[in-house]
Amino acid sequence: MPDLHFKDILITTFCWGTSFILASAASYNYLSSDLKFDSLLIHIGASVTLFCAGLLPKMFFIPLKQTLSCTMKPLLFSPKSHLYLTYLGIFITAIGIVLQTLRFSNF
């Protein structure tokens, strides 16, 4: 992780650790108890999105307008791969929310 300050390493560790714990807990609950598949998708999608947020730790320390206007280089991936991985996490979460909404609606 080249050219990172302590706060960047702290944010990256927090995001990746939380992502791993979220995915592990969701997987364990899905396998051992009655967690529904749509809830598992929501948790896994959120975990992927949180992992991707940890790849850009500088994003947490700059103003929002500047975040949306500039391009930052992720830590380990190319920017295009990072963008696709983030979209994948959002897409998985959206599918889980749609499935959960359909399960609770009375059609």
PDB file of N, CA and C in Angstrom:
ATOM      1  N   MET A   1       0.834  -1.162   0.000  1.00  0.00           N
ATOM      2  CA  MET A   1       0.000   0.000   0.000  1.00  0.00           C
ATOM      3  C   MET A   1       0.888   1.238   0.000  1.00  0.00           C
ATOM      4  N   PRO A   2       1.260   1.673  -1.166  1.00  0.00           N
ATOM      5  CA  PRO A   2       2.200   2.789  -1.255  1.00  0.00           C
ATOM      6  C   PRO A   2       1.564   4.122  -0.852  1.00  0.00           C
ATOM      7  N   ASP A   3       2.358   4.956  -0.221  1.00  0.00           N
ATOM      8  CA  ASP A   3       1.998   6.333   0.077  1.00  0.00           C
ATOM      9  C   ASP A   3       0.702   6.484   0.867  1.00  0.00           C
ATOM     10  N   LEU A   4       0.536   5.701   1.924  1.00  0.00           N
ATOM     11  CA  LEU A   4      -0.641   5.816   2.766  1.00  0.00           C
ATOM     12  C   LEU A   4      -0.255   6.335   4.136  1.00  0.00           C
ATOM     13  N   HIS A   5      -1.086   7.191   4.676  1.00  0.00           N
ATOM     14  CA  HIS A   5      -0.895   7.690   6.026  1.00  0.00           C
ATOM     15  C   HIS A   5      -1.604   6.760   6.994  1.00  0.00           C
ATOM     16  N   PHE A   6      -1.418   7.020   8.284  1.00  0.00           N
ATOM     17  CA  PHE A   6      -2.020   6.171   9.305  1.00  0.00           C
ATOM     18  C   PHE A   6      -3.541   6.163   9.199  1.00  0.00           C
ATOM     19  N   LYS A   7      -4.156   7.330   8.960  1.00  0.00           N
ATOM     20  CA  LYS A   7      -5.613   7.391   8.893  1.00  0.00           C
ATOM     21  C   LYS A   7      -6.146   6.629   7.672  1.00  0.00           C
ATOM     22  N   ASP A   8      -5.397   6.620   6.566  1.00  0.00           N
ATOM     23  CA  ASP A   8      -5.814   5.851   5.404  1.00  0.00           C
ATOM     24  C   ASP A   8      -5.759   4.350   5.683  1.00  0.00           C
ATOM     25  N   ILE A   9      -4.704   3.920   6.341  1.00  0.00           N
ATOM     26  CA  ILE A   9      -4.570   2.505   6.699  1.00  0.00           C
ATOM     27  C   ILE A   9      -5.660   2.104   7.689  1.00  0.00           C
ATOM     28  N   LEU A  10      -5.993   3.003   8.614  1.00  0.00           N
ATOM     29  CA  LEU A  10      -7.041   2.734   9.597  1.00  0.00           C
ATOM     30  C   LEU A  10      -8.400   2.574   8.910  1.00  0.00           C
ATOM     31  N   ILE A  11      -8.715   3.459   7.985  1.00  0.00           N
ATOM     32  CA  ILE A  11      -9.994   3.373   7.264  1.00  0.00           C
ATOM     33  C   ILE A  11     -10.047   2.109   6.405  1.00  0.00           C
ATOM     34  N   THR A  12      -8.960   1.798   5.718  1.00  0.00           N
ATOM     35  CA  THR A  12      -8.918   0.594   4.888  1.00  0.00           C
ATOM     36  C   THR A  12      -9.107  -0.658   5.733  1.00  0.00           C
ATOM     37  N   THR A  13      -8.423  -0.722   6.861  1.00  0.00           N
ATOM     38  CA  THR A  13      -8.546  -1.873   7.752  1.00  0.00           C
ATOM     39  C   THR A  13      -9.960  -1.986   8.306  1.00  0.00           C
ATOM     40  N   PHE A  14     -10.546  -0.868   8.673  1.00  0.00           N
ATOM     41  CA  PHE A  14     -11.913  -0.873   9.192  1.00  0.00           C
ATOM     42  C   PHE A  14     -12.905  -1.355   8.130  1.00  0.00           C
ATOM     43  N   CYS A  15     -12.803  -0.821   6.920  1.00  0.00           N
ATOM     44  CA  CYS A  15     -13.738  -1.215   5.848  1.00  0.00           C
ATOM     45  C   CYS A  15     -13.584  -2.690   5.488  1.00  0.00           C
ATOM     46  N   TRP A  16     -12.344  -3.130   5.321  1.00  0.00           N
ATOM     47  CA  TRP A  16     -12.130  -4.533   4.957  1.00  0.00           C
ATOM     48  C   TRP A  16     -12.517  -5.481   6.088  1.00  0.00           C
ATOM     49  N   GLY A  17     -12.213  -5.121   7.322  1.00  0.00           N
ATOM     50  CA  GLY A  17     -12.591  -5.954   8.467  1.00  0.00           C
ATOM     51  C   GLY A  17     -14.094  -6.044   8.627  1.00  0.00           C
ATOM     52  N   THR A  18     -14.771  -4.900   8.514  1.00  0.00           N
ATOM     53  CA  THR A  18     -16.226  -4.889   8.621  1.00  0.00           C
ATOM     54  C   THR A  18     -16.855  -5.670   7.470  1.00  0.00           C
ATOM     55  N   SER A  19     -16.295  -5.548   6.299  1.00  0.00           N
ATOM     56  CA  SER A  19     -16.792  -6.287   5.146  1.00  0.00           C
ATOM     57  C   SER A  19     -16.667  -7.796   5.360  1.00  0.00           C
ATOM     58  N   PHE A  20     -15.510  -8.219   5.858  1.00  0.00           N
ATOM     59  CA  PHE A  20     -15.298  -9.648   6.122  1.00  0.00           C
ATOM     60  C   PHE A  20     -16.242 -10.153   7.206  1.00  0.00           C
ATOM     61  N   ILE A  21     -16.411  -9.386   8.281  1.00  0.00           N
ATOM     62  CA  ILE A  21     -17.297  -9.804   9.369  1.00  0.00           C
ATOM     63  C   ILE A  21     -18.741  -9.873   8.888  1.00  0.00           C
ATOM     64  N   LEU A  22     -19.169  -8.895   8.101  1.00  0.00           N
ATOM     65  CA  LEU A  22     -20.532  -8.881   7.573  1.00  0.00           C
ATOM     66  C   LEU A  22     -20.790 -10.078   6.667  1.00  0.00           C
ATOM     67  N   ALA A  23     -19.867 -10.365   5.773  1.00  0.00           N
ATOM     68  CA  ALA A  23     -20.032 -11.515   4.872  1.00  0.00           C
ATOM     69  C   ALA A  23     -19.977 -12.830   5.633  1.00  0.00           C
ATOM     70  N   SER A  24     -19.091 -12.936   6.613  1.00  0.00           N
ATOM     71  CA  SER A  24     -18.974 -14.174   7.402  1.00  0.00           C
ATOM     72  C   SER A  24     -20.224 -14.417   8.226  1.00  0.00           C
ATOM     73  N   ALA A  25     -20.713 -13.374   8.886  1.00  0.00           N
ATOM     74  CA  ALA A  25     -21.907 -13.536   9.719  1.00  0.00           C
ATOM     75  C   ALA A  25     -23.121 -13.889   8.879  1.00  0.00           C
ATOM     76  N   ALA A  26     -23.263 -13.251   7.724  1.00  0.00           N
ATOM     77  CA  ALA A  26     -24.397 -13.560   6.851  1.00  0.00           C
ATOM     78  C   ALA A  26     -24.307 -14.983   6.325  1.00  0.00           C
ATOM     79  N   SER A  27     -23.120 -15.409   5.919  1.00  0.00           N
ATOM     80  CA  SER A  27     -22.950 -16.775   5.417  1.00  0.00           C
ATOM     81  C   SER A  27     -23.219 -17.802   6.509  1.00  0.00           C
ATOM     82  N   TYR A  28     -22.708 -17.552   7.701  1.00  0.00           N
ATOM     83  CA  TYR A  28     -22.930 -18.474   8.822  1.00  0.00           C
ATOM     84  C   TYR A  28     -24.413 -18.555   9.161  1.00  0.00           C
ATOM     85  N   ASN A  29     -25.087 -17.419   9.241  1.00  0.00           N
ATOM     86  CA  ASN A  29     -26.518 -17.430   9.558  1.00  0.00           C
ATOM     87  C   ASN A  29     -27.335 -18.085   8.457  1.00  0.00           C
ATOM     88  N   TYR A  30     -26.914 -17.927   7.216  1.00  0.00           N
ATOM     89  CA  TYR A  30     -27.628 -18.571   6.114  1.00  0.00           C
ATOM     90  C   TYR A  30     -27.472 -20.092   6.178  1.00  0.00           C
ATOM     91  N   LEU A  31     -26.278 -20.545   6.494  1.00  0.00           N
ATOM     92  CA  LEU A  31     -26.033 -21.990   6.533  1.00  0.00           C
ATOM     93  C   LEU A  31     -26.574 -22.656   7.789  1.00  0.00           C
ATOM     94  N   SER A  32     -26.531 -21.965   8.931  1.00  0.00           N
ATOM     95  CA  SER A  32     -26.884 -22.625  10.179  1.00  0.00           C
ATOM     96  C   SER A  32     -28.303 -22.343  10.649  1.00  0.00           C
ATOM     97  N   SER A  33     -28.888 -21.245  10.238  1.00  0.00           N
ATOM     98  CA  SER A  33     -30.249 -20.950  10.693  1.00  0.00           C
ATOM     99  C   SER A  33     -31.125 -20.582   9.507  1.00  0.00           C
ATOM    100  N   ASP A  34     -32.175 -19.883   9.778  1.00  0.00           N
ATOM    101  CA  ASP A  34     -33.163 -19.651   8.734  1.00  0.00           C
ATOM    102  C   ASP A  34     -33.059 -18.275   8.087  1.00  0.00           C
ATOM    103  N   LEU A  35     -31.849 -17.810   7.814  1.00  0.00           N
ATOM    104  CA  LEU A  35     -31.691 -16.556   7.083  1.00  0.00           C
ATOM    105  C   LEU A  35     -32.081 -16.803   5.628  1.00  0.00           C
ATOM    106  N   LYS A  36     -32.925 -15.975   5.109  1.00  0.00           N
ATOM    107  CA  LYS A  36     -33.416 -16.134   3.737  1.00  0.00           C
ATOM    108  C   LYS A  36     -32.344 -15.738   2.725  1.00  0.00           C
ATOM    109  N   PHE A  37     -32.484 -16.255   1.514  1.00  0.00           N
ATOM    110  CA  PHE A  37     -31.510 -16.002   0.456  1.00  0.00           C
ATOM    111  C   PHE A  37     -31.447 -14.531   0.083  1.00  0.00           C
ATOM    112  N   ASP A  38     -32.591 -13.846   0.081  1.00  0.00           N
ATOM    113  CA  ASP A  38     -32.583 -12.431  -0.271  1.00  0.00           C
ATOM    114  C   ASP A  38     -31.822 -11.604   0.761  1.00  0.00           C
ATOM    115  N   SER A  39     -31.922 -11.964   2.018  1.00  0.00           N
ATOM    116  CA  SER A  39     -31.142 -11.275   3.049  1.00  0.00           C
ATOM    117  C   SER A  39     -29.644 -11.555   2.889  1.00  0.00           C
ATOM    118  N   LEU A  40     -29.318 -12.771   2.492  1.00  0.00           N
ATOM    119  CA  LEU A  40     -27.919 -13.097   2.224  1.00  0.00           C
ATOM    120  C   LEU A  40     -27.388 -12.246   1.074  1.00  0.00           C
ATOM    121  N   LEU A  41     -28.175 -12.063   0.025  1.00  0.00           N
ATOM    122  CA  LEU A  41     -27.746 -11.228  -1.097  1.00  0.00           C
ATOM    123  C   LEU A  41     -27.522  -9.778  -0.665  1.00  0.00           C
ATOM    124  N   ILE A  42     -28.409  -9.256   0.173  1.00  0.00           N
ATOM    125  CA  ILE A  42     -28.250  -7.878   0.649  1.00  0.00           C
ATOM    126  C   ILE A  42     -26.960  -7.739   1.440  1.00  0.00           C
ATOM    127  N   HIS A  43     -26.690  -8.687   2.319  1.00  0.00           N
ATOM    128  CA  HIS A  43     -25.477  -8.620   3.135  1.00  0.00           C
ATOM    129  C   HIS A  43     -24.208  -8.771   2.289  1.00  0.00           C
ATOM    130  N   ILE A  44     -24.212  -9.690   1.339  1.00  0.00           N
ATOM    131  CA  ILE A  44     -23.037  -9.892   0.488  1.00  0.00           C
ATOM    132  C   ILE A  44     -22.809  -8.675  -0.404  1.00  0.00           C
ATOM    133  N   GLY A  45     -23.873  -8.109  -0.956  1.00  0.00           N
ATOM    134  CA  GLY A  45     -23.742  -6.907  -1.774  1.00  0.00           C
ATOM    135  C   GLY A  45     -23.200  -5.732  -0.982  1.00  0.00           C
ATOM    136  N   ALA A  46     -23.705  -5.555   0.238  1.00  0.00           N
ATOM    137  CA  ALA A  46     -23.196  -4.478   1.099  1.00  0.00           C
ATOM    138  C   ALA A  46     -21.740  -4.729   1.465  1.00  0.00           C
ATOM    139  N   SER A  47     -21.386  -5.980   1.655  1.00  0.00           N
ATOM    140  CA  SER A  47     -20.010  -6.328   1.985  1.00  0.00           C
ATOM    141  C   SER A  47     -19.065  -6.011   0.826  1.00  0.00           C
ATOM    142  N   VAL A  48     -19.472  -6.321  -0.390  1.00  0.00           N
ATOM    143  CA  VAL A  48     -18.642  -6.017  -1.568  1.00  0.00           C
ATOM    144  C   VAL A  48     -18.486  -4.510  -1.732  1.00  0.00           C
ATOM    145  N   THR A  49     -19.578  -3.772  -1.543  1.00  0.00           N
ATOM    146  CA  THR A  49     -19.531  -2.318  -1.663  1.00  0.00           C
ATOM    147  C   THR A  49     -18.630  -1.707  -0.597  1.00  0.00           C
ATOM    148  N   LEU A  50     -18.712  -2.213   0.622  1.00  0.00           N
ATOM    149  CA  LEU A  50     -17.860  -1.720   1.708  1.00  0.00           C
ATOM    150  C   LEU A  50     -16.396  -2.062   1.456  1.00  0.00           C
ATOM    151  N   PHE A  51     -16.131  -3.235   0.903  1.00  0.00           N
ATOM    152  CA  PHE A  51     -14.762  -3.600   0.550  1.00  0.00           C
ATOM    153  C   PHE A  51     -14.195  -2.633  -0.484  1.00  0.00           C
ATOM    154  N   CYS A  52     -15.025  -2.285  -1.473  1.00  0.00           N
ATOM    155  CA  CYS A  52     -14.577  -1.338  -2.507  1.00  0.00           C
ATOM    156  C   CYS A  52     -14.349   0.052  -1.926  1.00  0.00           C
ATOM    157  N   ALA A  53     -15.146   0.440  -0.951  1.00  0.00           N
ATOM    158  CA  ALA A  53     -14.930   1.740  -0.308  1.00  0.00           C
ATOM    159  C   ALA A  53     -13.590   1.759   0.416  1.00  0.00           C
ATOM    160  N   GLY A  54     -13.163   0.628   0.921  1.00  0.00           N
ATOM    161  CA  GLY A  54     -11.859   0.540   1.577  1.00  0.00           C
ATOM    162  C   GLY A  54     -10.693   0.649   0.619  1.00  0.00           C
ATOM    163  N   LEU A  55     -10.947   0.457  -0.669  1.00  0.00           N
ATOM    164  CA  LEU A  55      -9.879   0.592  -1.658  1.00  0.00           C
ATOM    165  C   LEU A  55      -9.564   2.058  -1.965  1.00  0.00           C
ATOM    166  N   LEU A  56     -10.456   2.962  -1.602  1.00  0.00           N
ATOM    167  CA  LEU A  56     -10.241   4.399  -1.809  1.00  0.00           C
ATOM    168  C   LEU A  56     -10.329   5.134  -0.472  1.00  0.00           C
ATOM    169  N   PRO A  57      -9.364   4.968   0.412  1.00  0.00           N
ATOM    170  CA  PRO A  57      -9.483   5.577   1.738  1.00  0.00           C
ATOM    171  C   PRO A  57      -9.439   7.098   1.719  1.00  0.00           C
ATOM    172  N   LYS A  58      -8.830   7.681   0.710  1.00  0.00           N
ATOM    173  CA  LYS A  58      -8.756   9.141   0.636  1.00  0.00           C
ATOM    174  C   LYS A  58     -10.125   9.761   0.391  1.00  0.00           C
ATOM    175  N   MET A  59     -11.067   8.970  -0.106  1.00  0.00           N
ATOM    176  CA  MET A  59     -12.413   9.443  -0.377  1.00  0.00           C
ATOM    177  C   MET A  59     -13.114   9.913   0.902  1.00  0.00           C
ATOM    178  N   PHE A  60     -12.757   9.344   2.040  1.00  0.00           N
ATOM    179  CA  PHE A  60     -13.412   9.687   3.301  1.00  0.00           C
ATOM    180  C   PHE A  60     -12.931  11.013   3.877  1.00  0.00           C
ATOM    181  N   PHE A  61     -11.853  11.572   3.354  1.00  0.00           N
ATOM    182  CA  PHE A  61     -11.247  12.755   3.963  1.00  0.00           C
ATOM    183  C   PHE A  61     -11.293  13.994   3.077  1.00  0.00           C
ATOM    184  N   ILE A  62     -11.993  13.940   1.949  1.00  0.00           N
ATOM    185  CA  ILE A  62     -12.097  15.117   1.102  1.00  0.00           C
ATOM    186  C   ILE A  62     -13.575  15.498   0.980  1.00  0.00           C
ATOM    187  N   PRO A  63     -13.885  16.764   0.664  1.00  0.00           N
ATOM    188  CA  PRO A  63     -15.283  17.197   0.552  1.00  0.00           C
ATOM    189  C   PRO A  63     -16.033  16.434  -0.540  1.00  0.00           C
ATOM    190  N   LEU A  64     -17.351  16.364  -0.383  1.00  0.00           N
ATOM    191  CA  LEU A  64     -18.173  15.570  -1.286  1.00  0.00           C
ATOM    192  C   LEU A  64     -18.125  16.090  -2.721  1.00  0.00           C
ATOM    193  N   LYS A  65     -18.156  17.392  -2.911  1.00  0.00           N
ATOM    194  CA  LYS A  65     -18.097  17.943  -4.275  1.00  0.00           C
ATOM    195  C   LYS A  65     -16.799  17.555  -4.964  1.00  0.00           C
ATOM    196  N   GLN A  66     -15.725  17.576  -4.228  1.00  0.00           N
ATOM    197  CA  GLN A  66     -14.437  17.208  -4.797  1.00  0.00           C
ATOM    198  C   GLN A  66     -14.370  15.705  -5.069  1.00  0.00           C
ATOM    199  N   THR A  67     -15.029  14.909  -4.241  1.00  0.00           N
ATOM    200  CA  THR A  67     -15.051  13.457  -4.441  1.00  0.00           C
ATOM    201  C   THR A  67     -15.749  13.110  -5.743  1.00  0.00           C
ATOM    202  N   LEU A  68     -16.843  13.798  -6.030  1.00  0.00           N
ATOM    203  CA  LEU A  68     -17.608  13.495  -7.237  1.00  0.00           C
ATOM    204  C   LEU A  68     -16.951  14.025  -8.500  1.00  0.00           C
ATOM    205  N   SER A  69     -16.083  15.017  -8.370  1.00  0.00           N
ATOM    206  CA  SER A  69     -15.508  15.624  -9.569  1.00  0.00           C
ATOM    207  C   SER A  69     -14.145  15.057  -9.950  1.00  0.00           C
ATOM    208  N   CYS A  70     -13.378  14.576  -8.995  1.00  0.00           N
ATOM    209  CA  CYS A  70     -12.026  14.123  -9.334  1.00  0.00           C
ATOM    210  C   CYS A  70     -11.976  12.603  -9.446  1.00  0.00           C
ATOM    211  N   THR A  71     -10.916  12.138 -10.051  1.00  0.00           N
ATOM    212  CA  THR A  71     -10.697  10.703 -10.155  1.00  0.00           C
ATOM    213  C   THR A  71      -9.519  10.333  -9.266  1.00  0.00           C
ATOM    214  N   MET A  72      -9.731   9.312  -8.448  1.00  0.00           N
ATOM    215  CA  MET A  72      -8.682   8.837  -7.554  1.00  0.00           C
ATOM    216  C   MET A  72      -8.315   7.424  -7.973  1.00  0.00           C
ATOM    217  N   LYS A  73      -7.081   7.064  -7.755  1.00  0.00           N
ATOM    218  CA  LYS A  73      -6.605   5.734  -8.109  1.00  0.00           C
ATOM    219  C   LYS A  73      -6.786   4.802  -6.917  1.00  0.00           C
ATOM    220  N   PRO A  74      -7.487   3.662  -7.115  1.00  0.00           N
ATOM    221  CA  PRO A  74      -7.626   2.696  -6.029  1.00  0.00           C
ATOM    222  C   PRO A  74      -6.284   2.079  -5.648  1.00  0.00           C
ATOM    223  N   LEU A  75      -6.261   1.392  -4.514  1.00  0.00           N
ATOM    224  CA  LEU A  75      -5.017   0.829  -3.995  1.00  0.00           C
ATOM    225  C   LEU A  75      -4.480  -0.324  -4.834  1.00  0.00           C
ATOM    226  N   LEU A  76      -5.321  -1.294  -5.146  1.00  0.00           N
ATOM    227  CA  LEU A  76      -4.828  -2.534  -5.730  1.00  0.00           C
ATOM    228  C   LEU A  76      -5.328  -2.810  -7.146  1.00  0.00           C
ATOM    229  N   PHE A  77      -6.429  -2.167  -7.545  1.00  0.00           N
ATOM    230  CA  PHE A  77      -7.047  -2.448  -8.831  1.00  0.00           C
ATOM    231  C   PHE A  77      -6.903  -1.253  -9.752  1.00  0.00           C
ATOM    232  N   SER A  78      -7.211  -1.494 -11.012  1.00  0.00           N
ATOM    233  CA  SER A  78      -7.334  -0.364 -11.929  1.00  0.00           C
ATOM    234  C   SER A  78      -8.650   0.346 -11.614  1.00  0.00           C
ATOM    235  N   PRO A  79      -8.772   1.621 -11.941  1.00  0.00           N
ATOM    236  CA  PRO A  79     -10.017   2.346 -11.646  1.00  0.00           C
ATOM    237  C   PRO A  79     -11.255   1.720 -12.297  1.00  0.00           C
ATOM    238  N   LYS A  80     -11.084   1.158 -13.493  1.00  0.00           N
ATOM    239  CA  LYS A  80     -12.220   0.544 -14.174  1.00  0.00           C
ATOM    240  C   LYS A  80     -12.691  -0.713 -13.428  1.00  0.00           C
ATOM    241  N   SER A  81     -11.765  -1.529 -12.971  1.00  0.00           N
ATOM    242  CA  SER A  81     -12.125  -2.724 -12.204  1.00  0.00           C
ATOM    243  C   SER A  81     -12.784  -2.345 -10.881  1.00  0.00           C
ATOM    244  N   HIS A  82     -12.273  -1.300 -10.256  1.00  0.00           N
ATOM    245  CA  HIS A  82     -12.859  -0.831  -8.999  1.00  0.00           C
ATOM    246  C   HIS A  82     -14.296  -0.376  -9.215  1.00  0.00           C
ATOM    247  N   LEU A  83     -14.533   0.340 -10.305  1.00  0.00           N
ATOM    248  CA  LEU A  83     -15.878   0.819 -10.610  1.00  0.00           C
ATOM    249  C   LEU A  83     -16.822  -0.353 -10.862  1.00  0.00           C
ATOM    250  N   TYR A  84     -16.382  -1.344 -11.634  1.00  0.00           N
ATOM    251  CA  TYR A  84     -17.228  -2.505 -11.911  1.00  0.00           C
ATOM    252  C   TYR A  84     -17.510  -3.309 -10.647  1.00  0.00           C
ATOM    253  N   LEU A  85     -16.531  -3.438  -9.772  1.00  0.00           N
ATOM    254  CA  LEU A  85     -16.737  -4.164  -8.523  1.00  0.00           C
ATOM    255  C   LEU A  85     -17.718  -3.421  -7.612  1.00  0.00           C
ATOM    256  N   THR A  86     -17.631  -2.107  -7.596  1.00  0.00           N
ATOM    257  CA  THR A  86     -18.585  -1.316  -6.816  1.00  0.00           C
ATOM    258  C   THR A  86     -19.992  -1.469  -7.380  1.00  0.00           C
ATOM    259  N   TYR A  87     -20.119  -1.390  -8.700  1.00  0.00           N
ATOM    260  CA  TYR A  87     -21.427  -1.590  -9.325  1.00  0.00           C
ATOM    261  C   TYR A  87     -21.970  -2.993  -9.068  1.00  0.00           C
ATOM    262  N   LEU A  88     -21.096  -3.982  -9.044  1.00  0.00           N
ATOM    263  CA  LEU A  88     -21.526  -5.345  -8.745  1.00  0.00           C
ATOM    264  C   LEU A  88     -22.122  -5.429  -7.344  1.00  0.00           C
ATOM    265  N   GLY A  89     -21.466  -4.805  -6.362  1.00  0.00           N
ATOM    266  CA  GLY A  89     -21.995  -4.799  -5.003  1.00  0.00           C
ATOM    267  C   GLY A  89     -23.348  -4.115  -4.910  1.00  0.00           C
ATOM    268  N   ILE A  90     -23.482  -2.984  -5.598  1.00  0.00           N
ATOM    269  CA  ILE A  90     -24.761  -2.268  -5.596  1.00  0.00           C
ATOM    270  C   ILE A  90     -25.835  -3.092  -6.298  1.00  0.00           C
ATOM    271  N   PHE A  91     -25.479  -3.757  -7.389  1.00  0.00           N
ATOM    272  CA  PHE A  91     -26.432  -4.576  -8.136  1.00  0.00           C
ATOM    273  C   PHE A  91     -26.888  -5.779  -7.309  1.00  0.00           C
ATOM    274  N   ILE A  92     -25.975  -6.440  -6.630  1.00  0.00           N
ATOM    275  CA  ILE A  92     -26.340  -7.587  -5.789  1.00  0.00           C
ATOM    276  C   ILE A  92     -27.264  -7.142  -4.661  1.00  0.00           C
ATOM    277  N   THR A  93     -26.959  -6.000  -4.048  1.00  0.00           N
ATOM    278  CA  THR A  93     -27.818  -5.472  -2.992  1.00  0.00           C
ATOM    279  C   THR A  93     -29.199  -5.135  -3.532  1.00  0.00           C
ATOM    280  N   ALA A  94     -29.260  -4.530  -4.712  1.00  0.00           N
ATOM    281  CA  ALA A  94     -30.552  -4.168  -5.306  1.00  0.00           C
ATOM    282  C   ALA A  94     -31.390  -5.403  -5.624  1.00  0.00           C
ATOM    283  N   ILE A  95     -30.751  -6.460  -6.116  1.00  0.00           N
ATOM    284  CA  ILE A  95     -31.486  -7.703  -6.396  1.00  0.00           C
ATOM    285  C   ILE A  95     -32.040  -8.294  -5.100  1.00  0.00           C
ATOM    286  N   GLY A  96     -31.240  -8.265  -4.043  1.00  0.00           N
ATOM    287  CA  GLY A  96     -31.722  -8.759  -2.754  1.00  0.00           C
ATOM    288  C   GLY A  96     -32.894  -7.955  -2.228  1.00  0.00           C
ATOM    289  N   ILE A  97     -32.850  -6.639  -2.395  1.00  0.00           N
ATOM    290  CA  ILE A  97     -33.957  -5.793  -1.936  1.00  0.00           C
ATOM    291  C   ILE A  97     -35.218  -6.060  -2.754  1.00  0.00           C
ATOM    292  N   VAL A  98     -35.065  -6.230  -4.064  1.00  0.00           N
ATOM    293  CA  VAL A  98     -36.223  -6.533  -4.911  1.00  0.00           C
ATOM    294  C   VAL A  98     -36.818  -7.883  -4.522  1.00  0.00           C
ATOM    295  N   LEU A  99     -35.989  -8.886  -4.313  1.00  0.00           N
ATOM    296  CA  LEU A  99     -36.491 -10.200  -3.912  1.00  0.00           C
ATOM    297  C   LEU A  99     -37.188 -10.145  -2.559  1.00  0.00           C
ATOM    298  N   GLN A 100     -36.629  -9.367  -1.640  1.00  0.00           N
ATOM    299  CA  GLN A 100     -37.250  -9.240  -0.325  1.00  0.00           C
ATOM    300  C   GLN A 100     -38.570  -8.490  -0.421  1.00  0.00           C
ATOM    301  N   THR A 101     -38.639  -7.491  -1.270  1.00  0.00           N
ATOM    302  CA  THR A 101     -39.905  -6.759  -1.457  1.00  0.00           C
ATOM    303  C   THR A 101     -40.969  -7.661  -2.075  1.00  0.00           C
ATOM    304  N   LEU A 102     -40.565  -8.466  -3.037  1.00  0.00           N
ATOM    305  CA  LEU A 102     -41.529  -9.387  -3.658  1.00  0.00           C
ATOM    306  C   LEU A 102     -41.996 -10.461  -2.684  1.00  0.00           C
ATOM    307  N   ARG A 103     -41.120 -10.859  -1.779  1.00  0.00           N
ATOM    308  CA  ARG A 103     -41.492 -11.884  -0.808  1.00  0.00           C
ATOM    309  C   ARG A 103     -42.505 -11.342   0.193  1.00  0.00           C
ATOM    310  N   PHE A 104     -42.393 -10.069   0.565  1.00  0.00           N
ATOM    311  CA  PHE A 104     -43.288  -9.494   1.561  1.00  0.00           C
ATOM    312  C   PHE A 104     -44.560  -8.894   0.968  1.00  0.00           C
ATOM    313  N   SER A 105     -44.606  -8.743  -0.341  1.00  0.00           N
ATOM    314  CA  SER A 105     -45.825  -8.176  -0.946  1.00  0.00           C
ATOM    315  C   SER A 105     -46.848  -9.286  -1.120  1.00  0.00           C
ATOM    316  N   ASN A 106     -48.097  -8.929  -1.065  1.00  0.00           N
ATOM    317  CA  ASN A 106     -49.176  -9.913  -1.164  1.00  0.00           C
ATOM    318  C   ASN A 106     -49.846  -9.823  -2.528  1.00  0.00           C
ATOM    319  N   PHE A 107     -49.200 -10.367  -3.544  1.00  0.00           N
ATOM    320  CA  PHE A 107     -49.787 -10.362  -4.876  1.00  0.00           C
ATOM    321  C   PHE A 107     -50.558 -11.616  -5.113  1.00  0.00           C
TER     322      PHE A 107
END
